[in-house]
Amino acid sequence: MCTVLTVADLISIAPPLREEGEMDILFEEVQAVIDRLEGNKSPGTDGITAEMIQAGGEPLARVLHGICQKIWEEERMPEE
């Protein structure tokens, strides 16, 4: 089952506005989103649950931060 995000959901997870030129995604932003993930939900097509992501702790959060930063800089999503 696919989760549908509302505008309020997107606003709640959007990075805060910054001064012009400050475009990096902060590690703290990624960690805050991971901390807010709701448990007991069906996984997406990748089979990864919120509990799995949260169980990864800081090492996984650092990897996800790097992926998010690369997506932000290259302005494109990875194929997989």
PDB file of N, CA and C in Angstrom:
ATOM      1  N   MET A   1       0.847  -1.179   0.000  1.00  0.00           N
ATOM      2  CA  MET A   1       0.000   0.000   0.000  1.00  0.00           C
ATOM      3  C   MET A   1       0.894   1.244   0.000  1.00  0.00           C
ATOM      4  N   CYS A   2       0.546   2.196  -0.775  1.00  0.00           N
ATOM      5  CA  CYS A   2       1.319   3.431  -0.914  1.00  0.00           C
ATOM      6  C   CYS A   2       0.745   4.502   0.014  1.00  0.00           C
ATOM      7  N   THR A   3       1.631   5.211   0.704  1.00  0.00           N
ATOM      8  CA  THR A   3       1.202   6.290   1.578  1.00  0.00           C
ATOM      9  C   THR A   3       1.101   7.575   0.769  1.00  0.00           C
ATOM     10  N   VAL A   4       0.000   8.272   0.905  1.00  0.00           N
ATOM     11  CA  VAL A   4      -0.200   9.540   0.205  1.00  0.00           C
ATOM     12  C   VAL A   4       0.116  10.667   1.176  1.00  0.00           C
ATOM     13  N   LEU A   5       1.027  11.547   0.773  1.00  0.00           N
ATOM     14  CA  LEU A   5       1.395  12.683   1.608  1.00  0.00           C
ATOM     15  C   LEU A   5       0.501  13.874   1.296  1.00  0.00           C
ATOM     16  N   THR A   6       0.105  14.564   2.329  1.00  0.00           N
ATOM     17  CA  THR A   6      -0.679  15.781   2.153  1.00  0.00           C
ATOM     18  C   THR A   6       0.269  16.968   2.093  1.00  0.00           C
ATOM     19  N   VAL A   7      -0.254  18.127   1.746  1.00  0.00           N
ATOM     20  CA  VAL A   7       0.555  19.354   1.737  1.00  0.00           C
ATOM     21  C   VAL A   7       1.109  19.610   3.138  1.00  0.00           C
ATOM     22  N   ALA A   8       0.298  19.384   4.158  1.00  0.00           N
ATOM     23  CA  ALA A   8       0.757  19.587   5.538  1.00  0.00           C
ATOM     24  C   ALA A   8       1.923  18.654   5.867  1.00  0.00           C
ATOM     25  N   ASP A   9       1.871  17.404   5.373  1.00  0.00           N
ATOM     26  CA  ASP A   9       2.977  16.471   5.583  1.00  0.00           C
ATOM     27  C   ASP A   9       4.254  16.994   4.944  1.00  0.00           C
ATOM     28  N   LEU A  10       4.133  17.472   3.703  1.00  0.00           N
ATOM     29  CA  LEU A  10       5.304  17.985   2.994  1.00  0.00           C
ATOM     30  C   LEU A  10       5.888  19.209   3.674  1.00  0.00           C
ATOM     31  N   ILE A  11       5.026  20.100   4.141  1.00  0.00           N
ATOM     32  CA  ILE A  11       5.498  21.292   4.843  1.00  0.00           C
ATOM     33  C   ILE A  11       6.212  20.899   6.123  1.00  0.00           C
ATOM     34  N   SER A  12       5.691  19.892   6.819  1.00  0.00           N
ATOM     35  CA  SER A  12       6.288  19.494   8.096  1.00  0.00           C
ATOM     36  C   SER A  12       7.671  18.877   7.926  1.00  0.00           C
ATOM     37  N   ILE A  13       7.965  18.297   6.747  1.00  0.00           N
ATOM     38  CA  ILE A  13       9.275  17.677   6.548  1.00  0.00           C
ATOM     39  C   ILE A  13      10.217  18.519   5.692  1.00  0.00           C
ATOM     40  N   ALA A  14       9.725  19.636   5.164  1.00  0.00           N
ATOM     41  CA  ALA A  14      10.562  20.492   4.327  1.00  0.00           C
ATOM     42  C   ALA A  14      11.658  21.143   5.155  1.00  0.00           C
ATOM     43  N   PRO A  15      12.843  21.289   4.578  1.00  0.00           N
ATOM     44  CA  PRO A  15      13.908  21.968   5.313  1.00  0.00           C
ATOM     45  C   PRO A  15      13.549  23.434   5.552  1.00  0.00           C
ATOM     46  N   PRO A  16      14.041  23.988   6.655  1.00  0.00           N
ATOM     47  CA  PRO A  16      13.727  25.383   6.932  1.00  0.00           C
ATOM     48  C   PRO A  16      14.344  26.314   5.894  1.00  0.00           C
ATOM     49  N   LEU A  17      13.723  27.465   5.715  1.00  0.00           N
ATOM     50  CA  LEU A  17      14.273  28.459   4.794  1.00  0.00           C
ATOM     51  C   LEU A  17      15.589  28.975   5.341  1.00  0.00           C
ATOM     52  N   ARG A  18      16.537  29.209   4.437  1.00  0.00           N
ATOM     53  CA  ARG A  18      17.856  29.678   4.839  1.00  0.00           C
ATOM     54  C   ARG A  18      18.197  30.923   4.042  1.00  0.00           C
ATOM     55  N   GLU A  19      19.273  31.538   4.453  1.00  0.00           N
ATOM     56  CA  GLU A  19      19.780  32.682   3.713  1.00  0.00           C
ATOM     57  C   GLU A  19      20.228  32.207   2.334  1.00  0.00           C
ATOM     58  N   GLU A  20      20.200  33.099   1.358  1.00  0.00           N
ATOM     59  CA  GLU A  20      20.629  32.744   0.013  1.00  0.00           C
ATOM     60  C   GLU A  20      22.073  32.257   0.051  1.00  0.00           C
ATOM     61  N   GLY A  21      22.343  31.193  -0.667  1.00  0.00           N
ATOM     62  CA  GLY A  21      23.686  30.626  -0.685  1.00  0.00           C
ATOM     63  C   GLY A  21      23.855  29.471   0.293  1.00  0.00           C
ATOM     64  N   GLU A  22      22.995  29.346   1.282  1.00  0.00           N
ATOM     65  CA  GLU A  22      23.061  28.244   2.236  1.00  0.00           C
ATOM     66  C   GLU A  22      22.126  27.154   1.750  1.00  0.00           C
ATOM     67  N   MET A  23      22.657  26.222   0.984  1.00  0.00           N
ATOM     68  CA  MET A  23      21.797  25.240   0.348  1.00  0.00           C
ATOM     69  C   MET A  23      22.015  23.819   0.836  1.00  0.00           C
ATOM     70  N   ASP A  24      22.929  23.580   1.748  1.00  0.00           N
ATOM     71  CA  ASP A  24      23.187  22.224   2.199  1.00  0.00           C
ATOM     72  C   ASP A  24      22.050  21.704   3.067  1.00  0.00           C
ATOM     73  N   ILE A  25      21.830  20.405   2.978  1.00  0.00           N
ATOM     74  CA  ILE A  25      20.891  19.738   3.865  1.00  0.00           C
ATOM     75  C   ILE A  25      21.670  19.395   5.128  1.00  0.00           C
ATOM     76  N   LEU A  26      21.159  19.776   6.252  1.00  0.00           N
ATOM     77  CA  LEU A  26      21.845  19.533   7.514  1.00  0.00           C
ATOM     78  C   LEU A  26      21.605  18.112   8.000  1.00  0.00           C
ATOM     79  N   PHE A  27      22.617  17.521   8.621  1.00  0.00           N
ATOM     80  CA  PHE A  27      22.463  16.187   9.202  1.00  0.00           C
ATOM     81  C   PHE A  27      21.330  16.187  10.222  1.00  0.00           C
ATOM     82  N   GLU A  28      21.226  17.255  10.988  1.00  0.00           N
ATOM     83  CA  GLU A  28      20.189  17.351  12.012  1.00  0.00           C
ATOM     84  C   GLU A  28      18.785  17.291  11.403  1.00  0.00           C
ATOM     85  N   GLU A  29      18.631  17.820  10.186  1.00  0.00           N
ATOM     86  CA  GLU A  29      17.336  17.766   9.504  1.00  0.00           C
ATOM     87  C   GLU A  29      16.980  16.326   9.161  1.00  0.00           C
ATOM     88  N   VAL A  30      17.953  15.590   8.642  1.00  0.00           N
ATOM     89  CA  VAL A  30      17.719  14.198   8.289  1.00  0.00           C
ATOM     90  C   VAL A  30      17.401  13.397   9.545  1.00  0.00           C
ATOM     91  N   GLN A  31      18.165  13.611  10.602  1.00  0.00           N
ATOM     92  CA  GLN A  31      17.946  12.896  11.855  1.00  0.00           C
ATOM     93  C   GLN A  31      16.565  13.212  12.427  1.00  0.00           C
ATOM     94  N   ALA A  32      16.133  14.462  12.337  1.00  0.00           N
ATOM     95  CA  ALA A  32      14.820  14.854  12.855  1.00  0.00           C
ATOM     96  C   ALA A  32      13.696  14.156  12.090  1.00  0.00           C
ATOM     97  N   VAL A  33      13.844  14.027  10.783  1.00  0.00           N
ATOM     98  CA  VAL A  33      12.826  13.344   9.977  1.00  0.00           C
ATOM     99  C   VAL A  33      12.789  11.855  10.344  1.00  0.00           C
ATOM    100  N   ILE A  34      13.955  11.251  10.495  1.00  0.00           N
ATOM    101  CA  ILE A  34      14.001   9.835  10.893  1.00  0.00           C
ATOM    102  C   ILE A  34      13.329   9.646  12.245  1.00  0.00           C
ATOM    103  N   ASP A  35      13.609  10.537  13.180  1.00  0.00           N
ATOM    104  CA  ASP A  35      13.020  10.436  14.519  1.00  0.00           C
ATOM    105  C   ASP A  35      11.496  10.555  14.480  1.00  0.00           C
ATOM    106  N   ARG A  36      10.962  11.297  13.500  1.00  0.00           N
ATOM    107  CA  ARG A  36       9.515  11.515  13.411  1.00  0.00           C
ATOM    108  C   ARG A  36       8.780  10.445  12.612  1.00  0.00           C
ATOM    109  N   LEU A  37       9.506   9.498  12.022  1.00  0.00           N
ATOM    110  CA  LEU A  37       8.841   8.444  11.252  1.00  0.00           C
ATOM    111  C   LEU A  37       7.891   7.659  12.148  1.00  0.00           C
ATOM    112  N   GLU A  38       6.698   7.398  11.628  1.00  0.00           N
ATOM    113  CA  GLU A  38       5.707   6.644  12.385  1.00  0.00           C
ATOM    114  C   GLU A  38       5.926   5.151  12.186  1.00  0.00           C
ATOM    115  N   GLY A  39       5.844   4.405  13.264  1.00  0.00           N
ATOM    116  CA  GLY A  39       6.004   2.958  13.209  1.00  0.00           C
ATOM    117  C   GLY A  39       4.690   2.269  12.890  1.00  0.00           C
ATOM    118  N   ASN A  40       4.770   0.955  12.798  1.00  0.00           N
ATOM    119  CA  ASN A  40       3.600   0.107  12.531  1.00  0.00           C
ATOM    120  C   ASN A  40       2.892   0.475  11.230  1.00  0.00           C
ATOM    121  N   LYS A  41       3.665   0.863  10.232  1.00  0.00           N
ATOM    122  CA  LYS A  41       3.113   1.177   8.912  1.00  0.00           C
ATOM    123  C   LYS A  41       3.665   0.161   7.917  1.00  0.00           C
ATOM    124  N   SER A  42       2.919  -0.069   6.864  1.00  0.00           N
ATOM    125  CA  SER A  42       3.386  -0.976   5.813  1.00  0.00           C
ATOM    126  C   SER A  42       4.583  -0.355   5.103  1.00  0.00           C
ATOM    127  N   PRO A  43       5.561  -1.178   4.732  1.00  0.00           N
ATOM    128  CA  PRO A  43       6.709  -0.641   3.993  1.00  0.00           C
ATOM    129  C   PRO A  43       6.308  -0.289   2.568  1.00  0.00           C
ATOM    130  N   GLY A  44       7.138   0.499   1.937  1.00  0.00           N
ATOM    131  CA  GLY A  44       6.923   0.824   0.534  1.00  0.00           C
ATOM    132  C   GLY A  44       7.358  -0.330  -0.339  1.00  0.00           C
ATOM    133  N   THR A  45       7.507  -0.084  -1.625  1.00  0.00           N
ATOM    134  CA  THR A  45       7.887  -1.138  -2.562  1.00  0.00           C
ATOM    135  C   THR A  45       9.282  -1.689  -2.278  1.00  0.00           C
ATOM    136  N   ASP A  46      10.116  -0.923  -1.560  1.00  0.00           N
ATOM    137  CA  ASP A  46      11.464  -1.392  -1.227  1.00  0.00           C
ATOM    138  C   ASP A  46      11.477  -2.341  -0.037  1.00  0.00           C
ATOM    139  N   GLY A  47      10.351  -2.460   0.681  1.00  0.00           N
ATOM    140  CA  GLY A  47      10.272  -3.354   1.829  1.00  0.00           C
ATOM    141  C   GLY A  47      10.911  -2.814   3.094  1.00  0.00           C
ATOM    142  N   ILE A  48      11.339  -1.564   3.080  1.00  0.00           N
ATOM    143  CA  ILE A  48      12.004  -0.971   4.240  1.00  0.00           C
ATOM    144  C   ILE A  48      10.972  -0.274   5.120  1.00  0.00           C
ATOM    145  N   THR A  49      10.950  -0.644   6.395  1.00  0.00           N
ATOM    146  CA  THR A  49      10.008  -0.034   7.335  1.00  0.00           C
ATOM    147  C   THR A  49      10.676   1.114   8.091  1.00  0.00           C
ATOM    148  N   ALA A  50       9.853   1.944   8.703  1.00  0.00           N
ATOM    149  CA  ALA A  50      10.371   3.046   9.522  1.00  0.00           C
ATOM    150  C   ALA A  50      11.220   2.502  10.666  1.00  0.00           C
ATOM    151  N   GLU A  51      10.793   1.381  11.224  1.00  0.00           N
ATOM    152  CA  GLU A  51      11.545   0.788  12.332  1.00  0.00           C
ATOM    153  C   GLU A  51      12.950   0.360  11.898  1.00  0.00           C
ATOM    154  N   MET A  52      13.071  -0.127  10.670  1.00  0.00           N
ATOM    155  CA  MET A  52      14.393  -0.506  10.163  1.00  0.00           C
ATOM    156  C   MET A  52      15.308   0.711  10.053  1.00  0.00           C
ATOM    157  N   ILE A  53      14.754   1.787   9.522  1.00  0.00           N
ATOM    158  CA  ILE A  53      15.544   3.017   9.371  1.00  0.00           C
ATOM    159  C   ILE A  53      15.957   3.543  10.734  1.00  0.00           C
ATOM    160  N   GLN A  54      15.036   3.566  11.673  1.00  0.00           N
ATOM    161  CA  GLN A  54      15.348   4.058  13.009  1.00  0.00           C
ATOM    162  C   GLN A  54      16.354   3.157  13.720  1.00  0.00           C
ATOM    163  N   ALA A  55      16.282   1.844  13.480  1.00  0.00           N
ATOM    164  CA  ALA A  55      17.217   0.913  14.112  1.00  0.00           C
ATOM    165  C   ALA A  55      18.636   1.090  13.588  1.00  0.00           C
ATOM    166  N   GLY A  56      18.779   1.692  12.401  1.00  0.00           N
ATOM    167  CA  GLY A  56      20.103   1.925  11.823  1.00  0.00           C
ATOM    168  C   GLY A  56      20.919   2.951  12.587  1.00  0.00           C
ATOM    169  N   GLY A  57      20.248   3.744  13.406  1.00  0.00           N
ATOM    170  CA  GLY A  57      20.936   4.730  14.233  1.00  0.00           C
ATOM    171  C   GLY A  57      21.705   5.775  13.438  1.00  0.00           C
ATOM    172  N   GLU A  58      22.700   6.343  14.104  1.00  0.00           N
ATOM    173  CA  GLU A  58      23.472   7.423  13.482  1.00  0.00           C
ATOM    174  C   GLU A  58      24.233   6.980  12.226  1.00  0.00           C
ATOM    175  N   PRO A  59      24.818   5.766  12.201  1.00  0.00           N
ATOM    176  CA  PRO A  59      25.524   5.378  10.965  1.00  0.00           C
ATOM    177  C   PRO A  59      24.618   5.413   9.725  1.00  0.00           C
ATOM    178  N   LEU A  60      23.401   4.884   9.844  1.00  0.00           N
ATOM    179  CA  LEU A  60      22.488   4.909   8.705  1.00  0.00           C
ATOM    180  C   LEU A  60      22.032   6.335   8.412  1.00  0.00           C
ATOM    181  N   ALA A  61      21.795   7.122   9.454  1.00  0.00           N
ATOM    182  CA  ALA A  61      21.385   8.516   9.259  1.00  0.00           C
ATOM    183  C   ALA A  61      22.464   9.279   8.490  1.00  0.00           C
ATOM    184  N   ARG A  62      23.737   8.998   8.760  1.00  0.00           N
ATOM    185  CA  ARG A  62      24.841   9.661   8.040  1.00  0.00           C
ATOM    186  C   ARG A  62      24.825   9.273   6.555  1.00  0.00           C
ATOM    187  N   VAL A  63      24.573   7.987   6.269  1.00  0.00           N
ATOM    188  CA  VAL A  63      24.500   7.537   4.878  1.00  0.00           C
ATOM    189  C   VAL A  63      23.322   8.207   4.174  1.00  0.00           C
ATOM    190  N   LEU A  64      22.157   8.218   4.820  1.00  0.00           N
ATOM    191  CA  LEU A  64      20.981   8.852   4.229  1.00  0.00           C
ATOM    192  C   LEU A  64      21.201  10.343   4.013  1.00  0.00           C
ATOM    193  N   HIS A  65      21.896  10.993   4.942  1.00  0.00           N
ATOM    194  CA  HIS A  65      22.222  12.409   4.790  1.00  0.00           C
ATOM    195  C   HIS A  65      23.068  12.617   3.538  1.00  0.00           C
ATOM    196  N   GLY A  66      24.067  11.757   3.338  1.00  0.00           N
ATOM    197  CA  GLY A  66      24.913  11.865   2.147  1.00  0.00           C
ATOM    198  C   GLY A  66      24.120  11.687   0.866  1.00  0.00           C
ATOM    199  N   ILE A  67      23.188  10.737   0.869  1.00  0.00           N
ATOM    200  CA  ILE A  67      22.354  10.516  -0.305  1.00  0.00           C
ATOM    201  C   ILE A  67      21.472  11.735  -0.565  1.00  0.00           C
ATOM    202  N   CYS A  68      20.845  12.254   0.494  1.00  0.00           N
ATOM    203  CA  CYS A  68      19.986  13.439   0.343  1.00  0.00           C
ATOM    204  C   CYS A  68      20.779  14.633  -0.171  1.00  0.00           C
ATOM    205  N   GLN A  69      21.990  14.815   0.345  1.00  0.00           N
ATOM    206  CA  GLN A  69      22.829  15.934  -0.078  1.00  0.00           C
ATOM    207  C   GLN A  69      23.212  15.794  -1.553  1.00  0.00           C
ATOM    208  N   LYS A  70      23.532  14.570  -1.975  1.00  0.00           N
ATOM    209  CA  LYS A  70      23.890  14.346  -3.378  1.00  0.00           C
ATOM    210  C   LYS A  70      22.697  14.629  -4.291  1.00  0.00           C
ATOM    211  N   ILE A  71      21.514  14.172  -3.899  1.00  0.00           N
ATOM    212  CA  ILE A  71      20.299  14.441  -4.678  1.00  0.00           C
ATOM    213  C   ILE A  71      20.075  15.942  -4.779  1.00  0.00           C
ATOM    214  N   TRP A  72      20.256  16.661  -3.672  1.00  0.00           N
ATOM    215  CA  TRP A  72      20.051  18.113  -3.643  1.00  0.00           C
ATOM    216  C   TRP A  72      21.025  18.805  -4.595  1.00  0.00           C
ATOM    217  N   GLU A  73      22.296  18.393  -4.550  1.00  0.00           N
ATOM    218  CA  GLU A  73      23.316  19.043  -5.368  1.00  0.00           C
ATOM    219  C   GLU A  73      23.141  18.730  -6.857  1.00  0.00           C
ATOM    220  N   GLU A  74      22.806  17.475  -7.179  1.00  0.00           N
ATOM    221  CA  GLU A  74      22.688  17.067  -8.586  1.00  0.00           C
ATOM    222  C   GLU A  74      21.295  17.357  -9.164  1.00  0.00           C
ATOM    223  N   GLU A  75      20.359  17.689  -8.295  1.00  0.00           N
ATOM    224  CA  GLU A  75      18.987  17.997  -8.704  1.00  0.00           C
ATOM    225  C   GLU A  75      18.338  16.878  -9.512  1.00  0.00           C
ATOM    226  N   ARG A  76      18.619  15.648  -9.131  1.00  0.00           N
ATOM    227  CA  ARG A  76      17.962  14.505  -9.753  1.00  0.00           C
ATOM    228  C   ARG A  76      17.963  13.330  -8.787  1.00  0.00           C
ATOM    229  N   MET A  77      16.905  12.525  -8.902  1.00  0.00           N
ATOM    230  CA  MET A  77      16.744  11.351  -8.054  1.00  0.00           C
ATOM    231  C   MET A  77      17.492  10.168  -8.678  1.00  0.00           C
ATOM    232  N   PRO A  78      18.022   9.283  -7.829  1.00  0.00           N
ATOM    233  CA  PRO A  78      18.662   8.095  -8.378  1.00  0.00           C
ATOM    234  C   PRO A  78      17.620   7.166  -9.022  1.00  0.00           C
ATOM    235  N   GLU A  79      18.077   6.322  -9.953  1.00  0.00           N
ATOM    236  CA  GLU A  79      17.183   5.377 -10.634  1.00  0.00           C
ATOM    237  C   GLU A  79      16.557   4.401  -9.634  1.00  0.00           C
ATOM    238  N   GLU A  80      17.358   3.916  -8.671  1.00  0.00           N
ATOM    239  CA  GLU A  80      16.862   2.937  -7.702  1.00  0.00           C
ATOM    240  C   GLU A  80      16.940   3.508  -6.309  1.00  0.00           C
TER     241      GLU A  80
END
